[in-house]
Structures are given as structure tokens and as C-alpha cells.
Amino acid sequence: MQKRVLCYAVASLLSFSVYGQYTYESGQDLYHLQTNANNFEGELAYEVVDDGISPAIDLSFNFTFYGSTFTQARMATNGCLHFGNSGSYCNDYTPDPINGQHTFTIYPFWTDLIRDSNSRMKSWGDSGKMIFGWYDLREYNRANTDNSFEIILWNNNSFDIRYGALDIINHDVLIGEVGSTKASSYTYYYHDECSTGTTNSSTCVNTNWNNTTINTTLENGGSLYGSGSGNGVDCSDPLNDSSCSGYADALLTQQCNISDLIVNHVLIIGRPLISKNVITIHNTHLFVQVTGKKNQ
């Protein structure tokens, strides 16, 4: 007996955009706790060694990140902010893709940086915001290179990453964040230059950071706004968010029991879905209508 099975599933066809989780803004100057120190009475400076980490810094309010609430954080020379007062930190001079090597970390500009006599790492906070600043750090083994950026934590558990001068030509760069595991992580941008660092993927590029569009976009006034606690998406279950890999397949299975459905002229083997006259593309979403026979 004929039975028409109609299944409308909506799933994003686009791969996860590296620009999808932070909101970019231009014209956002650094607070600059060094040059504007008089405006931030009580700012603290940290004498951190190469590939080193600061002492635990008390936050001026509790900050919740990926479901955990923190009262302290640590600044790494290499451009990472680690929540809590212990644990691994980005002492590796070359960033690798996020794989769980750190936990509860924001990477505003993870690369190989070192302090010199003109460099400063500072923090300051009040009841509304907590500022962590890396000012005029130079690229390792390269003189006269200044890199400045800040993380501003807001008291509603959101944050800004702001950028001043950036000057890197011999190292990889990673911008992103991670919670308790790799599954709860987000990479905004990973600059993987071929023949540089300890890891090169098949998609590495033969361009240094300074010559990338992303450098031009962020340098001297670019800002990334994280609109809530833990902006990376937990993709341990693909249905957690439409940006997760496998979301479309998981949604079809959930809504239609599609993995167990036997229909005429339709073959489903993971991804992609191969069918005859059953797929309609509209904008960036997939609408699937399946018609076939099923015994009652």
C-alpha cells in the first residue's frame, strides 16, 4: 500500500564560517594601560619571561566561561589568557590547532612573542570591565617588531579582543578559544604558514601573517566581540548547533528517522544524500521531500 512520507528538514549547507562566532568591529582603539596609565590608577604590570606565564591575577568580578565561573586568570607571553590559577598554558612557541592541549583559554593572538625593554604586560579592572593588555611585544628573534592587543572581559560574561600594531612574518598565529575539552572550542582564524612551526596541514599557505587580509582587517583598530560565555560551539553532539559538522545528517535522522527509512529511488549513505527528484535547494538551506513505498 502506498504511503507518502514527507520529510522537511532544514540544515545549513555552508561549512562553519571562521567568522561565524565573533562579531567584528572596526575603529575600536586599545584602552592601552601603558600609554594611558594615568587613566587606570592601580594597573598592574607583570615581568614574564620568554614562553612564560604570569602569576594568578584576581579578576574584578566573577567571570563565567563555558559553564565554569572564575575569579582569576593568567597571562602568557605568547598571547594567551588562561582562566584559573593552574594548568597547562601556551608555552609552546608555535601554535598548533586547538586539540585540548589547554583548557578554559582565550587566544587573542597566540604566536611566538617575547618581551623587551619597551614591552609591557598589564591588567586593570573595575566593576564593569577587566582589561588584560599585551603592549609592544616583539616577534621572537626579530628586532623592531611591535605587537599590541587586549582582552576586555565585561561583567555580563562577554568579551572584546582589540588589536593595535601587529607584525609577524616568521611564525604561525591562532585566534580562538577553548573550554574544558577540544569539543568545546572555537577557532576564529588559524594562520598556518608552510615550512613554519611544528605542524603544517595540507592547507598551509605560502604567505606570512603580515601579508594576509586578516592582518589588514584586525590591525590598528580591529575588534572581535564574543557575545556570551563560551562562544565556541560544543559539537560533541552535532545537533547542538547548526554550525557543527554532521548537523544536517543528524537533523535528518532525528526528524525523519531517515537512517531506517527505505524509500523508492533514494540512497542515503552518510553525506552526501543521493536521490532522484527529491532535493530542492533554497538559499542556504536544504529542503528534502521523500516520496516512496513503505509496508503498513
C-alpha atoms as a PDB file:
ATOM      1  CA  MET A   1       0.000   0.000   0.000  1.00  0.00           C
ATOM      2  CA  GLN A   2       1.266   3.396  -0.949  1.00  0.00           C
ATOM      3  CA  LYS A   3       2.224   5.666   1.852  1.00  0.00           C
ATOM      4  CA  ARG A   4       3.587   9.117   1.217  1.00  0.00           C
ATOM      5  CA  VAL A   5       6.310  10.048   3.557  1.00  0.00           C
ATOM      6  CA  LEU A   6       7.002  13.768   3.641  1.00  0.00           C
ATOM      7  CA  CYS A   7      10.041  14.978   5.495  1.00  0.00           C
ATOM      8  CA  TYR A   8      11.085  18.583   5.585  1.00  0.00           C
ATOM      9  CA  ALA A   9      14.473  19.032   7.215  1.00  0.00           C
ATOM     10  CA  VAL A  10      16.302  22.274   7.371  1.00  0.00           C
ATOM     11  CA  ALA A  11      20.064  22.144   7.641  1.00  0.00           C
ATOM     12  CA  SER A  12      22.791  24.572   6.806  1.00  0.00           C
ATOM     13  CA  LEU A  13      24.669  23.693   3.620  1.00  0.00           C
ATOM     14  CA  LEU A  14      27.508  26.014   4.449  1.00  0.00           C
ATOM     15  CA  SER A  15      30.584  24.807   6.240  1.00  0.00           C
ATOM     16  CA  PHE A  16      31.280  26.526   9.539  1.00  0.00           C
ATOM     17  CA  SER A  17      32.465  30.024   8.768  1.00  0.00           C
ATOM     18  CA  VAL A  18      35.575  31.105  10.644  1.00  0.00           C
ATOM     19  CA  TYR A  19      33.856  34.455  11.040  1.00  0.00           C
ATOM     20  CA  GLY A  20      30.649  32.998  12.464  1.00  0.00           C
ATOM     21  CA  GLN A  21      31.091  33.252  16.224  1.00  0.00           C
ATOM     22  CA  TYR A  22      32.795  36.589  16.853  1.00  0.00           C
ATOM     23  CA  THR A  23      31.391  39.922  15.761  1.00  0.00           C
ATOM     24  CA  TYR A  24      33.956  42.075  14.003  1.00  0.00           C
ATOM     25  CA  GLU A  25      34.037  45.826  14.599  1.00  0.00           C
ATOM     26  CA  SER A  26      36.425  48.430  13.248  1.00  0.00           C
ATOM     27  CA  GLY A  27      37.612  51.656  14.852  1.00  0.00           C
ATOM     28  CA  GLN A  28      37.977  50.163  18.341  1.00  0.00           C
ATOM     29  CA  ASP A  29      41.059  51.687  19.965  1.00  0.00           C
ATOM     30  CA  LEU A  30      43.030  49.964  22.671  1.00  0.00           C
ATOM     31  CA  TYR A  31      42.455  51.201  26.207  1.00  0.00           C
ATOM     32  CA  HIS A  32      46.274  50.955  26.395  1.00  0.00           C
ATOM     33  CA  LEU A  33      47.175  50.590  30.043  1.00  0.00           C
ATOM     34  CA  GLN A  34      50.748  51.638  29.214  1.00  0.00           C
ATOM     35  CA  THR A  35      50.441  54.930  27.350  1.00  0.00           C
ATOM     36  CA  ASN A  36      47.233  55.857  29.224  1.00  0.00           C
ATOM     37  CA  ALA A  37      48.367  54.610  32.632  1.00  0.00           C
ATOM     38  CA  ASN A  38      47.214  57.795  34.347  1.00  0.00           C
ATOM     39  CA  ASN A  39      43.635  56.921  33.429  1.00  0.00           C
ATOM     40  CA  PHE A  40      43.883  53.484  35.043  1.00  0.00           C
ATOM     41  CA  GLU A  41      45.126  54.010  38.547  1.00  0.00           C
ATOM     42  CA  GLY A  42      46.326  50.806  40.164  1.00  0.00           C
ATOM     43  CA  GLU A  43      47.126  48.968  36.928  1.00  0.00           C
ATOM     44  CA  LEU A  44      49.455  46.019  37.448  1.00  0.00           C
ATOM     45  CA  ALA A  45      52.474  45.044  35.337  1.00  0.00           C
ATOM     46  CA  TYR A  46      53.980  41.574  35.016  1.00  0.00           C
ATOM     47  CA  GLU A  47      57.621  40.723  34.330  1.00  0.00           C
ATOM     48  CA  VAL A  48      57.047  37.485  32.443  1.00  0.00           C
ATOM     49  CA  VAL A  49      59.906  35.542  30.852  1.00  0.00           C
ATOM     50  CA  ASP A  50      60.019  34.159  27.322  1.00  0.00           C
ATOM     51  CA  ASP A  51      57.374  31.433  26.832  1.00  0.00           C
ATOM     52  CA  GLY A  52      56.292  32.175  30.403  1.00  0.00           C
ATOM     53  CA  ILE A  53      53.121  32.775  32.392  1.00  0.00           C
ATOM     54  CA  SER A  54      52.134  35.479  34.873  1.00  0.00           C
ATOM     55  CA  PRO A  55      51.096  34.819  38.461  1.00  0.00           C
ATOM     56  CA  ALA A  56      47.369  34.350  39.008  1.00  0.00           C
ATOM     57  CA  ILE A  57      45.605  37.697  38.555  1.00  0.00           C
ATOM     58  CA  ASP A  58      42.465  38.412  40.568  1.00  0.00           C
ATOM     59  CA  LEU A  59      39.500  39.379  38.417  1.00  0.00           C
ATOM     60  CA  SER A  60      37.448  42.394  39.484  1.00  0.00           C
ATOM     61  CA  PHE A  61      34.253  40.301  39.206  1.00  0.00           C
ATOM     62  CA  ASN A  62      33.383  36.656  38.679  1.00  0.00           C
ATOM     63  CA  PHE A  63      33.525  35.620  35.022  1.00  0.00           C
ATOM     64  CA  THR A  64      31.714  32.582  33.644  1.00  0.00           C
ATOM     65  CA  PHE A  65      33.277  30.849  30.656  1.00  0.00           C
ATOM     66  CA  TYR A  66      31.979  27.592  29.173  1.00  0.00           C
ATOM     67  CA  GLY A  67      29.843  26.949  32.233  1.00  0.00           C
ATOM     68  CA  SER A  68      32.624  27.421  34.806  1.00  0.00           C
ATOM     69  CA  THR A  69      32.985  30.548  36.922  1.00  0.00           C
ATOM     70  CA  PHE A  70      36.430  32.008  37.512  1.00  0.00           C
ATOM     71  CA  THR A  71      37.914  34.574  39.895  1.00  0.00           C
ATOM     72  CA  GLN A  72      41.454  34.526  38.493  1.00  0.00           C
ATOM     73  CA  ALA A  73      43.317  34.345  35.183  1.00  0.00           C
ATOM     74  CA  ARG A  74      46.918  34.179  33.947  1.00  0.00           C
ATOM     75  CA  MET A  75      48.575  35.933  31.018  1.00  0.00           C
ATOM     76  CA  ALA A  76      51.048  34.032  28.842  1.00  0.00           C
ATOM     77  CA  THR A  77      53.789  35.884  26.991  1.00  0.00           C
ATOM     78  CA  ASN A  78      52.802  34.134  23.763  1.00  0.00           C
ATOM     79  CA  GLY A  79      49.405  35.827  23.648  1.00  0.00           C
ATOM     80  CA  CYS A  80      47.003  33.621  25.615  1.00  0.00           C
ATOM     81  CA  LEU A  81      44.724  34.232  28.609  1.00  0.00           C
ATOM     82  CA  HIS A  82      44.217  31.150  30.785  1.00  0.00           C
ATOM     83  CA  PHE A  83      41.396  31.155  33.353  1.00  0.00           C
ATOM     84  CA  GLY A  84      42.116  29.717  36.781  1.00  0.00           C
ATOM     85  CA  ASN A  85      45.382  29.627  38.691  1.00  0.00           C
ATOM     86  CA  SER A  86      46.954  26.403  37.436  1.00  0.00           C
ATOM     87  CA  GLY A  87      47.131  24.043  34.481  1.00  0.00           C
ATOM     88  CA  SER A  88      48.918  23.946  31.140  1.00  0.00           C
ATOM     89  CA  TYR A  89      49.482  27.164  29.229  1.00  0.00           C
ATOM     90  CA  CYS A  90      50.705  28.217  25.798  1.00  0.00           C
ATOM     91  CA  ASN A  91      54.427  27.975  26.460  1.00  0.00           C
ATOM     92  CA  ASP A  92      54.790  26.329  23.042  1.00  0.00           C
ATOM     93  CA  TYR A  93      56.435  28.911  20.791  1.00  0.00           C
ATOM     94  CA  THR A  94      54.431  27.810  17.772  1.00  0.00           C
ATOM     95  CA  PRO A  95      50.653  27.449  17.863  1.00  0.00           C
ATOM     96  CA  ASP A  96      49.104  24.194  16.743  1.00  0.00           C
ATOM     97  CA  PRO A  97      45.399  23.689  16.003  1.00  0.00           C
ATOM     98  CA  ILE A  98      43.298  23.524  19.172  1.00  0.00           C
ATOM     99  CA  ASN A  99      43.284  19.888  20.282  1.00  0.00           C
ATOM    100  CA  GLY A 100      42.689  20.093  24.013  1.00  0.00           C
ATOM    101  CA  GLN A 101      46.280  20.947  24.905  1.00  0.00           C
ATOM    102  CA  HIS A 102      44.899  23.772  27.098  1.00  0.00           C
ATOM    103  CA  THR A 103      41.601  24.324  28.902  1.00  0.00           C
ATOM    104  CA  PHE A 104      39.494  27.429  29.563  1.00  0.00           C
ATOM    105  CA  THR A 105      41.631  29.704  27.423  1.00  0.00           C
ATOM    106  CA  ILE A 106      41.120  32.685  25.142  1.00  0.00           C
ATOM    107  CA  TYR A 107      43.725  33.021  22.387  1.00  0.00           C
ATOM    108  CA  PRO A 108      43.677  36.683  21.311  1.00  0.00           C
ATOM    109  CA  PHE A 109      46.939  36.304  19.371  1.00  0.00           C
ATOM    110  CA  TRP A 110      48.824  33.069  20.027  1.00  0.00           C
ATOM    111  CA  THR A 111      52.212  33.221  18.363  1.00  0.00           C
ATOM    112  CA  ASP A 112      55.875  33.407  19.411  1.00  0.00           C
ATOM    113  CA  LEU A 113      56.247  36.669  21.328  1.00  0.00           C
ATOM    114  CA  ILE A 114      58.877  37.941  23.721  1.00  0.00           C
ATOM    115  CA  ARG A 115      59.187  40.978  25.955  1.00  0.00           C
ATOM    116  CA  ASP A 116      61.955  43.510  25.546  1.00  0.00           C
ATOM    117  CA  SER A 117      62.745  46.700  27.468  1.00  0.00           C
ATOM    118  CA  ASN A 118      59.833  48.538  25.840  1.00  0.00           C
ATOM    119  CA  SER A 119      57.249  45.758  26.231  1.00  0.00           C
ATOM    120  CA  ARG A 120      54.587  45.591  28.893  1.00  0.00           C
ATOM    121  CA  MET A 121      52.002  43.048  30.027  1.00  0.00           C
ATOM    122  CA  LYS A 122      49.399  44.704  32.231  1.00  0.00           C
ATOM    123  CA  SER A 123      45.962  44.302  33.791  1.00  0.00           C
ATOM    124  CA  TRP A 124      43.379  46.581  35.353  1.00  0.00           C
ATOM    125  CA  GLY A 125      39.792  46.117  36.411  1.00  0.00           C
ATOM    126  CA  ASP A 126      36.739  47.759  37.923  1.00  0.00           C
ATOM    127  CA  SER A 127      33.175  46.597  38.496  1.00  0.00           C
ATOM    128  CA  GLY A 128      32.303  46.828  34.805  1.00  0.00           C
ATOM    129  CA  LYS A 129      35.329  45.529  32.924  1.00  0.00           C
ATOM    130  CA  MET A 130      38.659  43.731  33.326  1.00  0.00           C
ATOM    131  CA  ILE A 131      41.436  44.614  30.875  1.00  0.00           C
ATOM    132  CA  PHE A 132      44.424  42.427  30.004  1.00  0.00           C
ATOM    133  CA  GLY A 133      46.947  44.085  27.723  1.00  0.00           C
ATOM    134  CA  TRP A 134      49.985  42.925  25.767  1.00  0.00           C
ATOM    135  CA  TYR A 135      51.848  46.024  24.562  1.00  0.00           C
ATOM    136  CA  ASP A 136      54.761  46.257  22.126  1.00  0.00           C
ATOM    137  CA  LEU A 137      55.811  42.626  22.423  1.00  0.00           C
ATOM    138  CA  ARG A 138      58.154  41.694  19.631  1.00  0.00           C
ATOM    139  CA  GLU A 139      58.227  38.626  17.451  1.00  0.00           C
ATOM    140  CA  TYR A 140      60.832  36.213  18.749  1.00  0.00           C
ATOM    141  CA  ASN A 141      64.272  36.563  17.161  1.00  0.00           C
ATOM    142  CA  ARG A 142      63.201  39.633  15.207  1.00  0.00           C
ATOM    143  CA  ALA A 143      64.036  43.170  16.330  1.00  0.00           C
ATOM    144  CA  ASN A 144      61.901  46.294  15.992  1.00  0.00           C
ATOM    145  CA  THR A 145      58.579  44.489  15.784  1.00  0.00           C
ATOM    146  CA  ASP A 146      55.687  45.656  17.934  1.00  0.00           C
ATOM    147  CA  ASN A 147      52.554  43.641  18.634  1.00  0.00           C
ATOM    148  CA  SER A 148      49.823  45.058  20.855  1.00  0.00           C
ATOM    149  CA  PHE A 149      46.400  43.656  21.732  1.00  0.00           C
ATOM    150  CA  GLU A 150      43.938  43.425  24.618  1.00  0.00           C
ATOM    151  CA  ILE A 151      41.225  41.222  26.029  1.00  0.00           C
ATOM    152  CA  ILE A 152      38.441  43.121  27.791  1.00  0.00           C
ATOM    153  CA  LEU A 153      36.186  40.977  29.948  1.00  0.00           C
ATOM    154  CA  TRP A 154      32.783  42.548  30.575  1.00  0.00           C
ATOM    155  CA  ASN A 155      30.740  41.858  33.691  1.00  0.00           C
ATOM    156  CA  ASN A 156      27.985  40.180  31.649  1.00  0.00           C
ATOM    157  CA  ASN A 157      30.358  37.304  30.691  1.00  0.00           C
ATOM    158  CA  SER A 158      31.075  38.663  27.216  1.00  0.00           C
ATOM    159  CA  PHE A 159      34.410  39.982  25.995  1.00  0.00           C
ATOM    160  CA  ASP A 160      36.235  42.023  23.365  1.00  0.00           C
ATOM    161  CA  ILE A 161      39.574  41.326  21.731  1.00  0.00           C
ATOM    162  CA  ARG A 162      41.132  44.540  20.422  1.00  0.00           C
ATOM    163  CA  TYR A 163      44.189  44.971  18.237  1.00  0.00           C
ATOM    164  CA  GLY A 164      46.840  47.625  17.771  1.00  0.00           C
ATOM    165  CA  ALA A 165      50.008  47.147  15.714  1.00  0.00           C
ATOM    166  CA  LEU A 166      50.685  43.571  14.550  1.00  0.00           C
ATOM    167  CA  ASP A 167      53.943  42.467  12.938  1.00  0.00           C
ATOM    168  CA  ILE A 168      54.620  38.731  12.436  1.00  0.00           C
ATOM    169  CA  ILE A 169      56.441  37.190   9.462  1.00  0.00           C
ATOM    170  CA  ASN A 170      58.166  34.053  10.780  1.00  0.00           C
ATOM    171  CA  HIS A 171      55.521  32.300  12.911  1.00  0.00           C
ATOM    172  CA  ASP A 172      52.031  30.866  12.780  1.00  0.00           C
ATOM    173  CA  VAL A 173      49.148  32.660  14.511  1.00  0.00           C
ATOM    174  CA  LEU A 174      45.979  31.329  16.145  1.00  0.00           C
ATOM    175  CA  ILE A 175      42.943  33.288  17.357  1.00  0.00           C
ATOM    176  CA  GLY A 176      40.148  31.478  19.189  1.00  0.00           C
ATOM    177  CA  GLU A 177      39.112  29.888  22.471  1.00  0.00           C
ATOM    178  CA  VAL A 178      38.602  26.594  24.261  1.00  0.00           C
ATOM    179  CA  GLY A 179      36.568  25.379  27.229  1.00  0.00           C
ATOM    180  CA  SER A 180      37.100  22.130  29.111  1.00  0.00           C
ATOM    181  CA  THR A 181      37.807  19.988  26.029  1.00  0.00           C
ATOM    182  CA  LYS A 182      38.515  20.215  22.312  1.00  0.00           C
ATOM    183  CA  ALA A 183      34.801  19.611  21.673  1.00  0.00           C
ATOM    184  CA  SER A 184      34.031  22.967  23.298  1.00  0.00           C
ATOM    185  CA  SER A 185      36.428  25.073  21.257  1.00  0.00           C
ATOM    186  CA  TYR A 186      36.292  27.653  18.517  1.00  0.00           C
ATOM    187  CA  THR A 187      38.948  28.790  16.071  1.00  0.00           C
ATOM    188  CA  TYR A 188      38.314  32.181  14.542  1.00  0.00           C
ATOM    189  CA  TYR A 189      41.457  32.064  12.443  1.00  0.00           C
ATOM    190  CA  TYR A 190      44.482  29.798  12.197  1.00  0.00           C
ATOM    191  CA  HIS A 191      47.333  31.130  10.083  1.00  0.00           C
ATOM    192  CA  ASP A 192      49.316  28.052   9.125  1.00  0.00           C
ATOM    193  CA  GLU A 193      52.310  29.140   7.058  1.00  0.00           C
ATOM    194  CA  CYS A 194      54.024  26.364   5.142  1.00  0.00           C
ATOM    195  CA  SER A 195      57.511  25.381   6.367  1.00  0.00           C
ATOM    196  CA  THR A 196      56.845  27.273   9.604  1.00  0.00           C
ATOM    197  CA  GLY A 197      56.194  25.844  13.069  1.00  0.00           C
ATOM    198  CA  THR A 198      55.951  22.204  14.073  1.00  0.00           C
ATOM    199  CA  THR A 199      52.721  21.382  12.219  1.00  0.00           C
ATOM    200  CA  ASN A 200      51.797  22.103   8.618  1.00  0.00           C
ATOM    201  CA  SER A 201      48.487  20.951   7.207  1.00  0.00           C
ATOM    202  CA  SER A 202      47.637  20.258   3.592  1.00  0.00           C
ATOM    203  CA  THR A 203      46.002  23.705   3.525  1.00  0.00           C
ATOM    204  CA  CYS A 204      49.051  25.651   4.739  1.00  0.00           C
ATOM    205  CA  VAL A 205      49.759  28.884   2.880  1.00  0.00           C
ATOM    206  CA  ASN A 206      52.937  30.382   1.466  1.00  0.00           C
ATOM    207  CA  THR A 207      52.128  33.809   2.860  1.00  0.00           C
ATOM    208  CA  ASN A 208      53.343  35.373   6.080  1.00  0.00           C
ATOM    209  CA  TRP A 209      50.884  36.856   8.565  1.00  0.00           C
ATOM    210  CA  ASN A 210      51.663  40.466   7.662  1.00  0.00           C
ATOM    211  CA  ASN A 211      50.561  39.881   4.070  1.00  0.00           C
ATOM    212  CA  THR A 212      47.183  38.356   4.907  1.00  0.00           C
ATOM    213  CA  THR A 213      43.810  40.020   4.623  1.00  0.00           C
ATOM    214  CA  ILE A 214      43.015  39.115   8.215  1.00  0.00           C
ATOM    215  CA  ASN A 215      46.041  41.091   9.436  1.00  0.00           C
ATOM    216  CA  THR A 216      44.893  44.124   7.482  1.00  0.00           C
ATOM    217  CA  THR A 217      41.394  43.702   8.899  1.00  0.00           C
ATOM    218  CA  LEU A 218      42.421  43.425  12.548  1.00  0.00           C
ATOM    219  CA  GLU A 219      45.474  45.660  12.824  1.00  0.00           C
ATOM    220  CA  ASN A 220      45.148  49.120  14.409  1.00  0.00           C
ATOM    221  CA  GLY A 221      41.527  49.242  15.465  1.00  0.00           C
ATOM    222  CA  GLY A 222      40.017  45.864  14.668  1.00  0.00           C
ATOM    223  CA  SER A 223      37.958  44.233  17.404  1.00  0.00           C
ATOM    224  CA  LEU A 224      36.315  40.835  17.908  1.00  0.00           C
ATOM    225  CA  TYR A 225      33.312  40.725  20.218  1.00  0.00           C
ATOM    226  CA  GLY A 226      32.388  37.490  21.945  1.00  0.00           C
ATOM    227  CA  SER A 227      28.681  37.775  22.686  1.00  0.00           C
ATOM    228  CA  GLY A 228      28.449  35.458  25.654  1.00  0.00           C
ATOM    229  CA  SER A 229      30.072  32.860  27.813  1.00  0.00           C
ATOM    230  CA  GLY A 230      31.940  30.319  25.750  1.00  0.00           C
ATOM    231  CA  ASN A 231      31.396  31.372  22.184  1.00  0.00           C
ATOM    232  CA  GLY A 232      32.814  28.205  20.788  1.00  0.00           C
ATOM    233  CA  VAL A 233      30.181  25.613  19.995  1.00  0.00           C
ATOM    234  CA  ASP A 234      30.132  22.242  21.768  1.00  0.00           C
ATOM    235  CA  CYS A 235      29.911  19.847  18.817  1.00  0.00           C
ATOM    236  CA  SER A 236      30.156  16.633  20.815  1.00  0.00           C
ATOM    237  CA  ASP A 237      26.531  16.248  19.661  1.00  0.00           C
ATOM    238  CA  PRO A 238      26.178  17.622  16.098  1.00  0.00           C
ATOM    239  CA  LEU A 239      22.625  18.745  16.927  1.00  0.00           C
ATOM    240  CA  ASN A 240      23.946  21.238  19.469  1.00  0.00           C
ATOM    241  CA  ASP A 241      24.347  23.860  16.759  1.00  0.00           C
ATOM    242  CA  SER A 242      23.765  24.162  13.016  1.00  0.00           C
ATOM    243  CA  SER A 243      27.434  25.060  12.569  1.00  0.00           C
ATOM    244  CA  CYS A 244      28.581  21.632  13.775  1.00  0.00           C
ATOM    245  CA  SER A 245      29.946  19.149  11.281  1.00  0.00           C
ATOM    246  CA  GLY A 246      27.319  16.457  10.668  1.00  0.00           C
ATOM    247  CA  TYR A 247      24.412  18.676  11.738  1.00  0.00           C
ATOM    248  CA  ALA A 248      22.424  18.122   8.536  1.00  0.00           C
ATOM    249  CA  ASP A 249      22.686  14.345   8.717  1.00  0.00           C
ATOM    250  CA  ALA A 250      21.876  14.292  12.427  1.00  0.00           C
ATOM    251  CA  LEU A 251      18.833  16.516  11.924  1.00  0.00           C
ATOM    252  CA  LEU A 252      17.512  14.302   9.129  1.00  0.00           C
ATOM    253  CA  THR A 253      17.914  11.263  11.334  1.00  0.00           C
ATOM    254  CA  GLN A 254      16.234  12.925  14.318  1.00  0.00           C
ATOM    255  CA  GLN A 255      13.299  14.421  12.466  1.00  0.00           C
ATOM    256  CA  CYS A 256      12.644  11.679   9.937  1.00  0.00           C
ATOM    257  CA  ASN A 257      14.256   8.542  11.310  1.00  0.00           C
ATOM    258  CA  ILE A 258      15.901   8.761   7.922  1.00  0.00           C
ATOM    259  CA  SER A 259      18.606   6.216   8.617  1.00  0.00           C
ATOM    260  CA  ASP A 260      15.976   3.471   8.926  1.00  0.00           C
ATOM    261  CA  LEU A 261      13.659   4.661   6.185  1.00  0.00           C
ATOM    262  CA  ILE A 262      13.539   2.655   2.937  1.00  0.00           C
ATOM    263  CA  VAL A 263      12.086   4.651   0.068  1.00  0.00           C
ATOM    264  CA  ASN A 264      11.966   4.457  -3.719  1.00  0.00           C
ATOM    265  CA  HIS A 265      14.899   5.921  -5.647  1.00  0.00           C
ATOM    266  CA  VAL A 266      16.695   7.186  -2.561  1.00  0.00           C
ATOM    267  CA  LEU A 267      20.105   6.104  -1.403  1.00  0.00           C
ATOM    268  CA  ILE A 268      21.448   7.627   1.768  1.00  0.00           C
ATOM    269  CA  ILE A 269      24.986   6.832   2.791  1.00  0.00           C
ATOM    270  CA  GLY A 270      26.111   9.398   5.311  1.00  0.00           C
ATOM    271  CA  ARG A 271      26.846  12.567   3.372  1.00  0.00           C
ATOM    272  CA  PRO A 272      26.105  13.457   0.614  1.00  0.00           C
ATOM    273  CA  LEU A 273      22.484  12.440   0.110  1.00  0.00           C
ATOM    274  CA  ILE A 274      21.965  10.947  -3.365  1.00  0.00           C
ATOM    275  CA  SER A 275      18.424  10.885  -4.638  1.00  0.00           C
ATOM    276  CA  LYS A 276      16.158  11.239  -7.644  1.00  0.00           C
ATOM    277  CA  ASN A 277      13.915  14.281  -7.815  1.00  0.00           C
ATOM    278  CA  VAL A 278      13.773  14.780  -4.091  1.00  0.00           C
ATOM    279  CA  ILE A 279      16.107  17.661  -3.293  1.00  0.00           C
ATOM    280  CA  THR A 280      15.289  21.331  -3.618  1.00  0.00           C
ATOM    281  CA  ILE A 281      17.864  23.984  -2.781  1.00  0.00           C
ATOM    282  CA  HIS A 282      16.564  27.307  -1.497  1.00  0.00           C
ATOM    283  CA  ASN A 283      19.057  29.962  -0.421  1.00  0.00           C
ATOM    284  CA  THR A 284      21.387  28.288   2.065  1.00  0.00           C
ATOM    285  CA  HIS A 285      19.060  25.615   3.394  1.00  0.00           C
ATOM    286  CA  LEU A 286      18.190  22.112   2.312  1.00  0.00           C
ATOM    287  CA  PHE A 287      14.588  21.018   1.963  1.00  0.00           C
ATOM    288  CA  VAL A 288      14.184  17.290   1.403  1.00  0.00           C
ATOM    289  CA  GLN A 289      10.927  15.741   0.266  1.00  0.00           C
ATOM    290  CA  VAL A 290      10.882  11.961   0.146  1.00  0.00           C
ATOM    291  CA  THR A 291       8.085  10.023  -1.546  1.00  0.00           C
ATOM    292  CA  GLY A 292       8.058   6.258  -1.641  1.00  0.00           C
ATOM    293  CA  LYS A 293       6.576   2.962  -0.534  1.00  0.00           C
ATOM    294  CA  LYS A 294       6.549   1.519   2.914  1.00  0.00           C
ATOM    295  CA  ASN A 295       4.656  -1.542   4.100  1.00  0.00           C
ATOM    296  CA  GLN A 296       1.969  -0.827   6.689  1.00  0.00           C
END
